[in-house]
Amino acid sequence: MTTISMAKLRDHVEARKREIGWVDDDAATDALRNKGGNRTPEKRAALARIDARAIAAGKKPTRSYY
C-alpha cells in the first residue's frame, strides 16, 4: 500500500479529468447530482437546515433536491 498526500491525490484526479476530457462546470455537476427521489424525510429536513444555515451566513446554498 502506498501513502500519498491529499495534494498529490488532488493533482492526480485533476490530471485524470483532463485526460478523459471531464468538464467541471455547473451543468456537468448538476447532471451528476442525486435527484433525491428516495430520500427520507429526515434527510430532506437536514438538507433544508443546511440551506438555511448557508443563507443565514450570507453564503450561496449548495443546490440540492429535497
Protein backbone atom coordinates (compact mmCIF):
# COMPACT_ATOMS: atom_id res chain seq x y z
CA MET A 1 0.00 0.00 0.00
CA THR A 2 1.23 3.47 -0.87
CA THR A 3 0.52 6.57 1.18
CA ILE A 4 0.03 9.84 -0.68
CA SER A 5 -0.86 13.33 0.43
CA MET A 6 -4.21 14.92 -0.29
CA ALA A 7 -2.44 17.43 -2.56
CA LYS A 8 -0.94 14.61 -4.65
CA LEU A 9 -4.32 12.90 -4.83
CA ARG A 10 -5.97 16.14 -5.97
CA ASP A 11 -3.30 16.64 -8.62
CA HIS A 12 -3.76 13.06 -9.84
CA VAL A 13 -7.53 13.46 -10.03
CA GLU A 14 -7.23 16.77 -11.90
CA ALA A 15 -4.75 15.25 -14.37
CA ARG A 16 -7.04 12.27 -14.96
CA LYS A 17 -10.02 14.55 -15.54
CA ARG A 18 -8.02 16.41 -18.18
CA GLU A 19 -7.06 13.10 -19.84
CA ILE A 20 -10.65 11.96 -20.20
CA GLY A 21 -11.99 15.40 -21.12
CA TRP A 22 -14.02 15.93 -17.97
CA VAL A 23 -15.52 19.40 -17.70
CA ASP A 24 -16.07 20.82 -14.21
CA ASP A 25 -18.89 23.26 -14.80
CA ASP A 26 -22.30 23.78 -13.22
CA ALA A 27 -24.13 21.79 -15.90
CA ALA A 28 -21.87 18.73 -15.55
CA THR A 29 -22.05 18.87 -11.76
CA ASP A 30 -25.84 19.16 -11.80
CA ALA A 31 -26.15 16.22 -14.18
CA LEU A 32 -24.35 14.01 -11.65
CA ARG A 33 -26.35 15.17 -8.64
CA ASN A 34 -28.60 12.74 -6.86
CA LYS A 35 -32.13 13.94 -7.63
CA GLY A 36 -33.32 12.74 -4.23
CA GLY A 37 -36.31 10.67 -5.26
CA ASN A 38 -35.74 8.13 -2.47
CA ARG A 39 -34.64 10.48 0.31
CA THR A 40 -36.08 10.05 3.75
CA PRO A 41 -37.98 12.91 5.39
CA GLU A 42 -35.11 13.20 7.88
CA LYS A 43 -32.58 13.72 5.08
CA ARG A 44 -34.83 16.29 3.41
CA ALA A 45 -35.11 18.18 6.69
CA ALA A 46 -31.34 18.06 7.17
CA LEU A 47 -30.77 19.48 3.68
CA ALA A 48 -33.26 22.27 4.41
CA ARG A 49 -31.39 23.13 7.63
CA ILE A 50 -28.08 23.19 5.75
CA ASP A 51 -29.56 25.60 3.22
CA ALA A 52 -30.97 27.82 5.98
CA ARG A 53 -27.58 27.99 7.73
CA ALA A 54 -25.83 28.89 4.47
CA ILE A 55 -28.33 31.66 3.75
CA ALA A 56 -28.03 32.99 7.32
CA ALA A 57 -24.24 33.11 6.89
CA GLY A 58 -24.61 35.04 3.64
CA LYS A 59 -23.42 32.12 1.52
CA LYS A 60 -24.98 30.62 -1.58
CA PRO A 61 -26.59 27.30 -0.62
CA THR A 62 -25.44 24.16 -2.37
CA ARG A 63 -28.01 23.05 -4.92
CA SER A 64 -29.81 20.04 -3.58
CA TYR A 65 -33.06 18.32 -4.37
CA TYR A 66 -35.41 17.76 -1.49
